Structures are given as C-alpha cells and as structure tokens.
Amino acid sequence: MMKKSITKRFDKELADQAIRRGKAEYRRLLFRADDLGPGNPMAMNAYFAYVFAAAWLGSGKKITPDEMALVMTDVLESKLLRTIFGMTDLNRTPKKWEQDMRKYETWYKAHDKDYPVNWVVNFDEALHQDGSFYYFTRCPICEFCEREGISELMPALCSTDEVMFRLQHGKLHREHTIANGDGICDYWVVGDKVKEIR
C-alpha cells in the first residue's frame, strides 16, 4: 500500500527504493527499539509507526515528513483498512477508546517493572462528558524517534490518529502532543454526529 502511494505521489523508482531499503531499515529499527512486552495492547502502534519510519528512511529522506504524512493517510484510507476501521462506529460506542485504554492500563500495571519503557496513560472523568478522554505522559515511539535522530517525523506519525478516528466515525479533539514539546498527548474522541460536545 505504501509502494502504491509513493509511486502515485512521486515515481516508481523512489517507491522501489523506499520499500527495498525500508525492509532493512525496519529490521534495524526493531532490533534497536525498546521491548514493549508480550501481550501489550498498545505495541502494534509502535510497530505500525516504525513501518512508516523505515520506508521514509529507505527513501533517503527524499520524501519530506509532511509528504510522508500523506502517504500514511493513503495507507489508512485504503479499502482494506477503511473496512477494518469502519467496523467501529464511535457514535454507537462512544466510550470504546476509554475502555481500550483501561485495558492497556491494567496490562501496564501488571508489567511496568519488566517493561518500564511504555505509554503512561491517565484519565480525568470530570473533564468531559461526551466520548472518551485520556492522555499520555510518556510515549515510547516519541522517545525512540528522538534517540534515533528522526524526531522530525513524529508530527506526521501523530497526524495518523486523526485519520484513524475519522474512519471510525469519530473526531479527535487535541490540544497537546509530546512530539511538539508538550508534557502530554491528549485524546478527546467523540462521535462525528455529536452536535454539541461537553
């Protein structure tokens, strides 16, 4: 899906290079990445992000981070992922993401000593009535990208959140990201049919 997007937006030669070299880059990234722990409900987010980072590195950074964000959007909006994400309707299950983050919180509390480099999730139920609200005070993806010297890609990686929630008939309201130097990444996710959010 990435190769198709890069070919469409740039050319086949760059797409071939990004994917061919990107495979080796992905193995290198995984080898150097922190172990997030078996059964971690959030780990797939990191592996997904590193796929895009690997293709970007494979291109020799000839694709700008902003252009890479468009490639990521193309992948997320592909027929396959649109179908998978579209199976969730956040108008019908407005608390889905809070529930999912509660499951992650339970997992992390049981494994934080063995896998300390992980997301640290927090909740403030009094802040909003609608949808799901939670925030992270630590992001292992951001820490890893900084360590690898590729932090300029982080805003593009963060931008995929908005696309993912949109495909689930939701809308992300966000004021802060760790990647932008803030102390938190906040997520307030509501169904896209909600007229007046509280």
N, C-alpha and C. Protein backbone atom coordinates (compact mmCIF):
# COMPACT_ATOMS: atom_id res chain seq x y z
N MET A 1 0.83 -1.21 0.00
CA MET A 1 0.00 0.00 0.00
C MET A 1 0.87 1.26 0.00
N MET A 2 1.98 1.19 0.75
CA MET A 2 2.89 2.34 0.74
C MET A 2 3.53 2.52 -0.63
N LYS A 3 3.93 1.40 -1.23
CA LYS A 3 4.57 1.48 -2.54
C LYS A 3 3.63 2.10 -3.57
N LYS A 4 2.38 1.73 -3.51
CA LYS A 4 1.38 2.28 -4.43
C LYS A 4 1.25 3.79 -4.22
N SER A 5 1.19 4.22 -2.97
CA SER A 5 1.05 5.65 -2.66
C SER A 5 2.27 6.44 -3.11
N ILE A 6 3.47 5.93 -2.79
CA ILE A 6 4.69 6.66 -3.16
C ILE A 6 4.84 6.74 -4.68
N THR A 7 4.46 5.65 -5.37
CA THR A 7 4.50 5.66 -6.84
C THR A 7 3.57 6.73 -7.39
N LYS A 8 2.37 6.80 -6.82
CA LYS A 8 1.37 7.76 -7.29
C LYS A 8 1.81 9.20 -7.01
N ARG A 9 2.37 9.43 -5.83
CA ARG A 9 2.71 10.79 -5.43
C ARG A 9 4.08 11.24 -5.94
N PHE A 10 4.96 10.29 -6.22
CA PHE A 10 6.32 10.63 -6.66
C PHE A 10 6.64 9.86 -7.94
N ASP A 11 7.31 8.72 -7.82
CA ASP A 11 7.57 7.89 -9.00
C ASP A 11 7.91 6.48 -8.55
N LYS A 12 7.90 5.59 -9.50
CA LYS A 12 8.11 4.17 -9.19
C LYS A 12 9.51 3.91 -8.66
N GLU A 13 10.49 4.62 -9.20
CA GLU A 13 11.88 4.39 -8.76
C GLU A 13 12.05 4.70 -7.27
N LEU A 14 11.50 5.83 -6.84
CA LEU A 14 11.59 6.19 -5.42
C LEU A 14 10.80 5.21 -4.56
N ALA A 15 9.66 4.77 -5.07
CA ALA A 15 8.85 3.80 -4.33
C ALA A 15 9.60 2.49 -4.16
N ASP A 16 10.22 2.01 -5.23
CA ASP A 16 11.01 0.77 -5.16
C ASP A 16 12.14 0.91 -4.14
N GLN A 17 12.82 2.04 -4.16
CA GLN A 17 13.93 2.27 -3.24
C GLN A 17 13.44 2.31 -1.79
N ALA A 18 12.34 3.05 -1.56
CA ALA A 18 11.82 3.20 -0.20
C ALA A 18 11.45 1.85 0.40
N ILE A 19 10.83 0.99 -0.40
CA ILE A 19 10.39 -0.31 0.12
C ILE A 19 11.57 -1.27 0.22
N ARG A 20 12.42 -1.30 -0.79
CA ARG A 20 13.55 -2.23 -0.78
C ARG A 20 14.50 -1.92 0.38
N ARG A 21 14.92 -0.69 0.48
CA ARG A 21 15.82 -0.31 1.57
C ARG A 21 15.08 -0.25 2.91
N GLY A 22 13.80 0.05 2.81
CA GLY A 22 12.99 0.15 4.03
C GLY A 22 12.89 -1.17 4.79
N LYS A 23 12.93 -2.28 4.09
CA LYS A 23 12.87 -3.59 4.76
C LYS A 23 14.05 -3.78 5.70
N ALA A 24 15.23 -3.40 5.24
CA ALA A 24 16.42 -3.49 6.08
C ALA A 24 16.35 -2.48 7.22
N GLU A 25 15.84 -1.29 6.92
CA GLU A 25 15.70 -0.26 7.95
C GLU A 25 14.73 -0.72 9.04
N TYR A 26 13.67 -1.41 8.63
CA TYR A 26 12.67 -1.88 9.61
C TYR A 26 13.29 -2.89 10.56
N ARG A 27 14.06 -3.81 10.02
CA ARG A 27 14.74 -4.79 10.88
C ARG A 27 15.69 -4.10 11.85
N ARG A 28 16.39 -3.08 11.34
CA ARG A 28 17.32 -2.34 12.20
C ARG A 28 16.55 -1.61 13.31
N LEU A 29 15.45 -0.98 12.95
CA LEU A 29 14.66 -0.26 13.95
C LEU A 29 14.13 -1.20 15.03
N LEU A 30 13.62 -2.35 14.60
CA LEU A 30 13.08 -3.30 15.57
C LEU A 30 14.17 -3.81 16.50
N PHE A 31 15.36 -4.03 15.95
CA PHE A 31 16.48 -4.52 16.77
C PHE A 31 16.86 -3.50 17.85
N ARG A 32 16.74 -2.21 17.52
CA ARG A 32 17.15 -1.15 18.44
C ARG A 32 16.02 -0.65 19.33
N ALA A 33 14.80 -0.99 18.98
CA ALA A 33 13.64 -0.48 19.73
C ALA A 33 13.52 -1.15 21.09
N ASP A 34 12.87 -0.45 22.01
CA ASP A 34 12.62 -1.00 23.33
C ASP A 34 11.61 -2.15 23.25
N ASP A 35 11.80 -3.13 24.10
CA ASP A 35 10.85 -4.24 24.20
C ASP A 35 9.64 -3.74 24.98
N LEU A 36 8.50 -3.70 24.33
CA LEU A 36 7.28 -3.18 24.95
C LEU A 36 6.50 -4.26 25.70
N GLY A 37 6.94 -5.50 25.58
CA GLY A 37 6.32 -6.57 26.36
C GLY A 37 5.32 -7.39 25.59
N PRO A 38 5.28 -8.71 25.83
CA PRO A 38 4.32 -9.58 25.16
C PRO A 38 2.90 -9.30 25.64
N GLY A 39 1.97 -9.33 24.71
CA GLY A 39 0.57 -9.10 25.06
C GLY A 39 0.22 -7.64 25.30
N ASN A 40 1.14 -6.74 25.00
CA ASN A 40 0.89 -5.31 25.19
C ASN A 40 -0.15 -4.84 24.17
N PRO A 41 -1.31 -4.37 24.63
CA PRO A 41 -2.36 -3.94 23.69
C PRO A 41 -1.98 -2.73 22.84
N MET A 42 -0.95 -2.00 23.25
CA MET A 42 -0.55 -0.80 22.52
C MET A 42 0.64 -1.02 21.60
N ALA A 43 1.30 -2.16 21.71
CA ALA A 43 2.56 -2.38 20.99
C ALA A 43 2.41 -2.23 19.48
N MET A 44 1.28 -2.63 18.94
CA MET A 44 1.08 -2.55 17.49
C MET A 44 1.21 -1.12 16.97
N ASN A 45 0.89 -0.15 17.82
CA ASN A 45 1.04 1.26 17.41
C ASN A 45 2.49 1.58 17.08
N ALA A 46 3.40 1.04 17.88
CA ALA A 46 4.82 1.28 17.63
C ALA A 46 5.27 0.58 16.36
N TYR A 47 4.91 -0.69 16.20
CA TYR A 47 5.34 -1.43 15.01
C TYR A 47 4.78 -0.80 13.73
N PHE A 48 3.56 -0.30 13.81
CA PHE A 48 2.93 0.39 12.69
C PHE A 48 3.71 1.66 12.36
N ALA A 49 4.06 2.43 13.39
CA ALA A 49 4.81 3.67 13.18
C ALA A 49 6.18 3.39 12.58
N TYR A 50 6.83 2.32 13.03
CA TYR A 50 8.18 2.02 12.56
C TYR A 50 8.19 1.55 11.11
N VAL A 51 7.08 1.00 10.64
CA VAL A 51 6.97 0.64 9.22
C VAL A 51 7.09 1.90 8.36
N PHE A 52 6.37 2.94 8.75
CA PHE A 52 6.43 4.20 8.01
C PHE A 52 7.79 4.85 8.14
N ALA A 53 8.35 4.82 9.35
CA ALA A 53 9.68 5.40 9.56
C ALA A 53 10.71 4.68 8.69
N ALA A 54 10.59 3.37 8.58
CA ALA A 54 11.53 2.58 7.78
C ALA A 54 11.45 2.94 6.30
N ALA A 55 10.25 3.09 5.79
CA ALA A 55 10.08 3.47 4.38
C ALA A 55 10.62 4.87 4.13
N TRP A 56 10.39 5.75 5.08
CA TRP A 56 10.91 7.12 4.97
C TRP A 56 12.43 7.11 4.95
N LEU A 57 13.04 6.35 5.85
CA LEU A 57 14.49 6.22 5.85
C LEU A 57 14.98 5.54 4.58
N GLY A 58 14.22 4.55 4.12
CA GLY A 58 14.57 3.84 2.89
C GLY A 58 14.58 4.75 1.67
N SER A 59 13.78 5.79 1.71
CA SER A 59 13.74 6.75 0.60
C SER A 59 14.93 7.69 0.63
N GLY A 60 15.76 7.57 1.68
CA GLY A 60 16.87 8.51 1.83
C GLY A 60 16.39 9.88 2.27
N LYS A 61 15.20 9.91 2.89
CA LYS A 61 14.56 11.15 3.34
C LYS A 61 14.26 12.09 2.18
N LYS A 62 14.14 11.50 0.99
CA LYS A 62 13.75 12.33 -0.18
C LYS A 62 12.28 12.73 -0.09
N ILE A 63 11.53 12.00 0.71
CA ILE A 63 10.14 12.34 1.00
C ILE A 63 10.15 13.18 2.27
N THR A 64 9.54 14.33 2.26
CA THR A 64 9.53 15.16 3.46
C THR A 64 8.58 14.54 4.49
N PRO A 65 8.72 14.90 5.77
CA PRO A 65 7.79 14.40 6.78
C PRO A 65 6.33 14.73 6.45
N ASP A 66 6.08 15.94 5.93
CA ASP A 66 4.70 16.31 5.56
C ASP A 66 4.19 15.43 4.43
N GLU A 67 5.06 15.13 3.47
CA GLU A 67 4.66 14.25 2.36
C GLU A 67 4.46 12.82 2.87
N MET A 68 5.27 12.42 3.85
CA MET A 68 5.11 11.09 4.42
C MET A 68 3.78 10.96 5.14
N ALA A 69 3.31 12.06 5.73
CA ALA A 69 2.00 12.07 6.37
C ALA A 69 0.90 11.77 5.36
N LEU A 70 1.07 12.27 4.13
CA LEU A 70 0.09 11.99 3.07
C LEU A 70 0.13 10.52 2.67
N VAL A 71 1.34 9.95 2.62
CA VAL A 71 1.48 8.53 2.31
C VAL A 71 0.78 7.69 3.39
N MET A 72 0.99 8.06 4.65
CA MET A 72 0.34 7.35 5.75
C MET A 72 -1.18 7.43 5.64
N THR A 73 -1.66 8.61 5.28
CA THR A 73 -3.11 8.78 5.11
C THR A 73 -3.63 7.89 3.98
N ASP A 74 -2.88 7.82 2.87
CA ASP A 74 -3.27 6.95 1.76
C ASP A 74 -3.41 5.50 2.23
N VAL A 75 -2.45 5.06 3.05
CA VAL A 75 -2.48 3.67 3.54
C VAL A 75 -3.69 3.46 4.44
N LEU A 76 -3.90 4.37 5.38
CA LEU A 76 -5.03 4.23 6.30
C LEU A 76 -6.37 4.28 5.57
N GLU A 77 -6.42 5.05 4.47
CA GLU A 77 -7.67 5.19 3.72
C GLU A 77 -7.78 4.16 2.59
N SER A 78 -6.89 3.19 2.57
CA SER A 78 -7.00 2.11 1.59
C SER A 78 -8.27 1.32 1.87
N LYS A 79 -8.74 0.62 0.89
CA LYS A 79 -10.01 -0.10 1.02
C LYS A 79 -9.99 -1.08 2.20
N LEU A 80 -8.88 -1.79 2.36
CA LEU A 80 -8.77 -2.78 3.44
C LEU A 80 -8.89 -2.13 4.81
N LEU A 81 -8.07 -1.12 5.07
CA LEU A 81 -8.08 -0.51 6.40
C LEU A 81 -9.32 0.33 6.64
N ARG A 82 -9.86 0.93 5.57
CA ARG A 82 -11.13 1.66 5.71
C ARG A 82 -12.22 0.71 6.18
N THR A 83 -12.21 -0.50 5.63
CA THR A 83 -13.20 -1.51 6.02
C THR A 83 -13.00 -1.94 7.47
N ILE A 84 -11.75 -2.19 7.85
CA ILE A 84 -11.47 -2.64 9.22
C ILE A 84 -11.82 -1.55 10.23
N PHE A 85 -11.33 -0.34 10.01
CA PHE A 85 -11.63 0.74 10.95
C PHE A 85 -13.12 1.08 10.94
N GLY A 86 -13.75 0.97 9.77
CA GLY A 86 -15.15 1.32 9.65
C GLY A 86 -16.09 0.39 10.41
N MET A 87 -15.57 -0.74 10.87
CA MET A 87 -16.39 -1.66 11.66
C MET A 87 -16.71 -1.07 13.04
N THR A 88 -15.96 -0.06 13.43
CA THR A 88 -16.23 0.65 14.68
C THR A 88 -16.97 1.94 14.37
N ASP A 89 -18.06 2.20 15.08
CA ASP A 89 -18.79 3.45 14.94
C ASP A 89 -18.80 4.12 16.31
N LEU A 90 -18.02 5.17 16.45
CA LEU A 90 -17.89 5.83 17.74
C LEU A 90 -19.13 6.62 18.15
N ASN A 91 -20.11 6.71 17.26
CA ASN A 91 -21.40 7.26 17.65
C ASN A 91 -22.20 6.22 18.44
N ARG A 92 -21.99 4.96 18.10
CA ARG A 92 -22.69 3.87 18.80
C ARG A 92 -21.94 3.40 20.04
N THR A 93 -20.63 3.46 19.98
CA THR A 93 -19.80 3.03 21.13
C THR A 93 -18.87 4.18 21.53
N PRO A 94 -19.44 5.24 22.11
CA PRO A 94 -18.66 6.45 22.38
C PRO A 94 -17.52 6.28 23.39
N LYS A 95 -17.61 5.25 24.23
CA LYS A 95 -16.58 5.04 25.25
C LYS A 95 -15.56 3.96 24.85
N LYS A 96 -15.58 3.55 23.59
CA LYS A 96 -14.72 2.45 23.16
C LYS A 96 -13.25 2.70 23.50
N TRP A 97 -12.75 3.88 23.18
CA TRP A 97 -11.32 4.11 23.36
C TRP A 97 -10.93 4.27 24.82
N GLU A 98 -11.82 4.80 25.63
CA GLU A 98 -11.54 4.84 27.06
C GLU A 98 -11.47 3.41 27.61
N GLN A 99 -12.38 2.57 27.17
CA GLN A 99 -12.37 1.16 27.60
C GLN A 99 -11.09 0.45 27.16
N ASP A 100 -10.68 0.70 25.91
CA ASP A 100 -9.45 0.09 25.41
C ASP A 100 -8.24 0.56 26.21
N MET A 101 -8.20 1.85 26.55
CA MET A 101 -7.08 2.38 27.31
C MET A 101 -7.09 1.87 28.75
N ARG A 102 -8.28 1.59 29.28
CA ARG A 102 -8.36 0.99 30.62
C ARG A 102 -7.76 -0.42 30.60
N LYS A 103 -7.99 -1.14 29.52
CA LYS A 103 -7.40 -2.48 29.38
C LYS A 103 -5.88 -2.37 29.31
N TYR A 104 -5.40 -1.38 28.55
CA TYR A 104 -3.95 -1.18 28.49
C TYR A 104 -3.40 -0.83 29.87
N GLU A 105 -4.10 0.06 30.57
CA GLU A 105 -3.65 0.47 31.91
C GLU A 105 -3.51 -0.74 32.83
N THR A 106 -4.48 -1.65 32.77
CA THR A 106 -4.42 -2.87 33.58
C THR A 106 -3.21 -3.70 33.20
N TRP A 107 -2.96 -3.83 31.89
CA TRP A 107 -1.79 -4.60 31.44
C TRP A 107 -0.51 -3.95 31.94
N TYR A 108 -0.41 -2.62 31.81
CA TYR A 108 0.83 -1.93 32.18
C TYR A 108 1.10 -2.02 33.68
N LYS A 109 0.06 -1.91 34.49
CA LYS A 109 0.25 -2.01 35.94
C LYS A 109 0.79 -3.38 36.35
N ALA A 110 0.46 -4.39 35.56
CA ALA A 110 0.93 -5.74 35.86
C ALA A 110 2.34 -6.01 35.31
N HIS A 111 2.81 -5.15 34.37
CA HIS A 111 4.08 -5.42 33.70
C HIS A 111 5.07 -4.26 33.72
N ASP A 112 4.74 -3.18 34.39
CA ASP A 112 5.59 -1.99 34.31
C ASP A 112 7.00 -2.20 34.83
N LYS A 113 7.19 -3.08 35.77
CA LYS A 113 8.54 -3.31 36.29
C LYS A 113 9.41 -4.04 35.26
N ASP A 114 8.81 -4.94 34.49
CA ASP A 114 9.57 -5.67 33.48
C ASP A 114 9.74 -4.88 32.19
N TYR A 115 8.76 -4.03 31.88
CA TYR A 115 8.79 -3.25 30.63
C TYR A 115 8.49 -1.78 30.94
N PRO A 116 9.44 -1.10 31.60
CA PRO A 116 9.17 0.27 32.06
C PRO A 116 9.04 1.30 30.94
N VAL A 117 9.69 1.03 29.79
CA VAL A 117 9.57 1.98 28.67
C VAL A 117 8.28 1.68 27.94
N ASN A 118 7.26 2.47 28.24
CA ASN A 118 5.93 2.25 27.68
C ASN A 118 5.12 3.53 27.78
N TRP A 119 3.91 3.48 27.27
CA TRP A 119 3.00 4.61 27.42
C TRP A 119 2.53 4.67 28.87
N VAL A 120 2.40 5.88 29.38
CA VAL A 120 1.80 6.08 30.70
C VAL A 120 0.49 6.83 30.46
N VAL A 121 -0.63 6.13 30.71
CA VAL A 121 -1.94 6.69 30.39
C VAL A 121 -2.62 7.20 31.67
N ASN A 122 -3.37 8.27 31.50
CA ASN A 122 -4.09 8.90 32.61
C ASN A 122 -5.51 9.23 32.16
N PHE A 123 -6.40 9.36 33.14
CA PHE A 123 -7.80 9.65 32.86
C PHE A 123 -8.27 10.80 33.75
N ASP A 124 -9.19 11.58 33.23
CA ASP A 124 -9.85 12.63 34.01
C ASP A 124 -11.32 12.61 33.63
N GLU A 125 -12.10 11.82 34.36
CA GLU A 125 -13.51 11.63 34.01
C GLU A 125 -14.34 12.89 34.22
N ALA A 126 -13.85 13.81 35.03
CA ALA A 126 -14.61 15.03 35.32
C ALA A 126 -14.48 16.09 34.22
N LEU A 127 -13.53 15.90 33.33
CA LEU A 127 -13.23 16.95 32.36
C LEU A 127 -14.26 17.02 31.22
N HIS A 128 -14.68 15.86 30.70
CA HIS A 128 -15.63 15.83 29.58
C HIS A 128 -16.70 14.77 29.83
N GLN A 129 -17.90 15.06 29.35
CA GLN A 129 -19.00 14.10 29.48
C GLN A 129 -19.11 13.19 28.26
N ASP A 130 -18.82 13.75 27.10
CA ASP A 130 -19.01 13.00 25.85
C ASP A 130 -17.75 12.26 25.44
N GLY A 131 -17.96 11.10 24.81
CA GLY A 131 -16.87 10.36 24.21
C GLY A 131 -15.88 9.81 25.21
N SER A 132 -14.64 9.63 24.73
CA SER A 132 -13.55 9.10 25.53
C SER A 132 -12.49 10.17 25.71
N PHE A 133 -11.99 10.32 26.93
CA PHE A 133 -10.91 11.25 27.17
C PHE A 133 -9.83 10.57 28.00
N TYR A 134 -8.59 10.68 27.51
CA TYR A 134 -7.43 10.17 28.22
C TYR A 134 -6.21 10.91 27.70
N TYR A 135 -5.11 10.78 28.43
CA TYR A 135 -3.89 11.43 27.95
C TYR A 135 -2.67 10.63 28.40
N PHE A 136 -1.63 10.74 27.59
CA PHE A 136 -0.37 10.06 27.87
C PHE A 136 0.65 11.07 28.37
N THR A 137 1.44 10.66 29.36
CA THR A 137 2.55 11.50 29.82
C THR A 137 3.88 10.90 29.39
N ARG A 138 3.82 9.77 28.71
CA ARG A 138 5.03 9.16 28.15
C ARG A 138 4.67 8.42 26.88
N CYS A 139 5.51 8.55 25.86
CA CYS A 139 5.28 7.87 24.58
C CYS A 139 6.59 7.22 24.13
N PRO A 140 6.65 5.89 24.11
CA PRO A 140 7.89 5.22 23.70
C PRO A 140 8.25 5.44 22.24
N ILE A 141 7.25 5.69 21.39
CA ILE A 141 7.54 5.97 19.98
C ILE A 141 8.30 7.28 19.87
N CYS A 142 7.83 8.29 20.58
CA CYS A 142 8.48 9.60 20.56
C CYS A 142 9.91 9.50 21.11
N GLU A 143 10.06 8.79 22.22
CA GLU A 143 11.38 8.63 22.81
C GLU A 143 12.33 7.91 21.86
N PHE A 144 11.83 6.87 21.21
CA PHE A 144 12.67 6.11 20.29
C PHE A 144 13.08 6.95 19.09
N CYS A 145 12.13 7.68 18.52
CA CYS A 145 12.45 8.51 17.35
C CYS A 145 13.46 9.59 17.72
N GLU A 146 13.35 10.15 18.91
CA GLU A 146 14.34 11.13 19.35
C GLU A 146 15.72 10.49 19.48
N ARG A 147 15.75 9.31 20.05
CA ARG A 147 17.01 8.59 20.23
C ARG A 147 17.65 8.23 18.89
N GLU A 148 16.80 7.94 17.90
CA GLU A 148 17.29 7.55 16.58
C GLU A 148 17.61 8.75 15.69
N GLY A 149 17.30 9.94 16.18
CA GLY A 149 17.57 11.15 15.39
C GLY A 149 16.57 11.37 14.27
N ILE A 150 15.37 10.86 14.44
CA ILE A 150 14.34 11.03 13.40
C ILE A 150 13.07 11.67 13.98
N SER A 151 13.25 12.52 14.98
CA SER A 151 12.09 13.11 15.66
C SER A 151 11.28 14.02 14.74
N GLU A 152 11.89 14.48 13.63
CA GLU A 152 11.13 15.34 12.72
C GLU A 152 9.96 14.61 12.06
N LEU A 153 9.97 13.27 12.12
CA LEU A 153 8.87 12.50 11.56
C LEU A 153 7.69 12.37 12.52
N MET A 154 7.91 12.67 13.80
CA MET A 154 6.87 12.44 14.81
C MET A 154 5.56 13.17 14.54
N PRO A 155 5.55 14.47 14.17
CA PRO A 155 4.25 15.11 13.89
C PRO A 155 3.45 14.39 12.81
N ALA A 156 4.14 13.85 11.81
CA ALA A 156 3.45 13.09 10.76
C ALA A 156 2.86 11.81 11.34
N LEU A 157 3.61 11.14 12.20
CA LEU A 157 3.10 9.92 12.83
C LEU A 157 1.90 10.24 13.72
N CYS A 158 1.98 11.34 14.45
CA CYS A 158 0.86 11.75 15.32
C CYS A 158 -0.39 12.07 14.51
N SER A 159 -0.19 12.59 13.30
CA SER A 159 -1.34 13.00 12.48
C SER A 159 -2.20 11.82 12.06
N THR A 160 -1.65 10.61 12.12
CA THR A 160 -2.45 9.45 11.73
C THR A 160 -3.58 9.18 12.72
N ASP A 161 -3.45 9.68 13.95
CA ASP A 161 -4.52 9.48 14.94
C ASP A 161 -5.83 10.08 14.45
N GLU A 162 -5.76 11.29 13.94
CA GLU A 162 -6.96 11.98 13.46
C GLU A 162 -7.63 11.19 12.34
N VAL A 163 -6.83 10.66 11.43
CA VAL A 163 -7.37 9.88 10.31
C VAL A 163 -8.03 8.61 10.81
N MET A 164 -7.36 7.91 11.72
CA MET A 164 -7.88 6.65 12.25
C MET A 164 -9.23 6.84 12.93
N PHE A 165 -9.34 7.89 13.75
CA PHE A 165 -10.61 8.13 14.43
C PHE A 165 -11.69 8.56 13.44
N ARG A 166 -11.32 9.33 12.43
CA ARG A 166 -12.30 9.73 11.42
C ARG A 166 -12.89 8.52 10.71
N LEU A 167 -12.05 7.53 10.43
CA LEU A 167 -12.51 6.32 9.77
C LEU A 167 -13.43 5.50 10.67
N GLN A 168 -13.39 5.78 11.97
CA GLN A 168 -14.27 5.11 12.92
C GLN A 168 -15.47 6.00 13.26
N HIS A 169 -15.78 6.93 12.37
CA HIS A 169 -16.92 7.84 12.53
C HIS A 169 -16.76 8.70 13.78
N GLY A 170 -15.52 9.09 14.04
CA GLY A 170 -15.24 9.92 15.20
C GLY A 170 -14.44 11.15 14.85
N LYS A 171 -14.24 11.97 15.86
CA LYS A 171 -13.44 13.18 15.69
C LYS A 171 -12.53 13.33 16.91
N LEU A 172 -11.25 13.59 16.63
CA LEU A 172 -10.28 13.78 17.69
C LEU A 172 -10.13 15.27 17.99
N HIS A 173 -10.32 15.62 19.26
CA HIS A 173 -10.06 16.98 19.72
C HIS A 173 -8.77 16.92 20.54
N ARG A 174 -7.74 17.61 20.07
CA ARG A 174 -6.43 17.51 20.71
C ARG A 174 -5.80 18.89 20.81
N GLU A 175 -5.21 19.16 21.95
CA GLU A 175 -4.53 20.42 22.17
C GLU A 175 -3.02 20.26 22.35
N HIS A 176 -2.58 19.06 22.73
CA HIS A 176 -1.17 18.88 23.06
C HIS A 176 -0.63 17.57 22.51
N THR A 177 0.64 17.58 22.15
CA THR A 177 1.35 16.33 21.84
C THR A 177 2.75 16.41 22.43
N ILE A 178 3.23 15.28 22.90
CA ILE A 178 4.59 15.19 23.42
C ILE A 178 5.60 15.52 22.32
N ALA A 179 5.27 15.11 21.09
CA ALA A 179 6.16 15.35 19.95
C ALA A 179 6.40 16.84 19.71
N ASN A 180 5.43 17.67 20.07
CA ASN A 180 5.57 19.12 19.90
C ASN A 180 6.19 19.79 21.12
N GLY A 181 6.66 18.97 22.05
CA GLY A 181 7.31 19.53 23.23
C GLY A 181 6.41 19.73 24.42
N ASP A 182 5.14 19.30 24.29
CA ASP A 182 4.21 19.41 25.41
C ASP A 182 4.46 18.26 26.39
N GLY A 183 3.94 18.37 27.56
CA GLY A 183 4.13 17.33 28.56
C GLY A 183 3.19 16.15 28.39
N ILE A 184 2.17 16.33 27.55
CA ILE A 184 1.17 15.26 27.38
C ILE A 184 0.75 15.14 25.92
N CYS A 185 0.16 13.99 25.60
CA CYS A 185 -0.61 13.79 24.37
C CYS A 185 -2.04 13.56 24.82
N ASP A 186 -2.92 14.48 24.49
CA ASP A 186 -4.31 14.34 24.94
C ASP A 186 -5.20 13.83 23.81
N TYR A 187 -6.15 13.01 24.20
CA TYR A 187 -7.11 12.41 23.27
C TYR A 187 -8.51 12.61 23.82
N TRP A 188 -9.28 13.40 23.11
CA TRP A 188 -10.71 13.51 23.41
C TRP A 188 -11.42 13.11 22.13
N VAL A 189 -11.99 11.93 22.12
CA VAL A 189 -12.56 11.34 20.91
C VAL A 189 -14.07 11.24 21.07
N VAL A 190 -14.80 11.86 20.15
CA VAL A 190 -16.26 11.82 20.18
C VAL A 190 -16.78 11.36 18.82
N GLY A 191 -18.00 10.88 18.78
CA GLY A 191 -18.62 10.50 17.53
C GLY A 191 -18.81 11.71 16.63
N ASP A 192 -18.73 11.51 15.32
CA ASP A 192 -18.81 12.65 14.41
C ASP A 192 -20.22 13.20 14.24
N LYS A 193 -21.20 12.54 14.85
CA LYS A 193 -22.59 13.04 14.79
C LYS A 193 -22.96 13.86 16.01
N VAL A 194 -22.07 13.95 16.98
CA VAL A 194 -22.34 14.72 18.19
C VAL A 194 -22.30 16.20 17.84
N LYS A 195 -23.39 16.90 18.08
CA LYS A 195 -23.50 18.31 17.68
C LYS A 195 -22.80 19.24 18.65
N GLU A 196 -23.13 19.10 19.93
CA GLU A 196 -22.53 19.96 20.94
C GLU A 196 -21.79 19.09 21.94
N ILE A 197 -20.48 19.17 21.91
CA ILE A 197 -19.68 18.32 22.79
C ILE A 197 -19.51 18.98 24.16
N ARG A 198 -19.52 18.11 25.18
CA ARG A 198 -19.39 18.58 26.56
C ARG A 198 -18.23 17.86 27.25
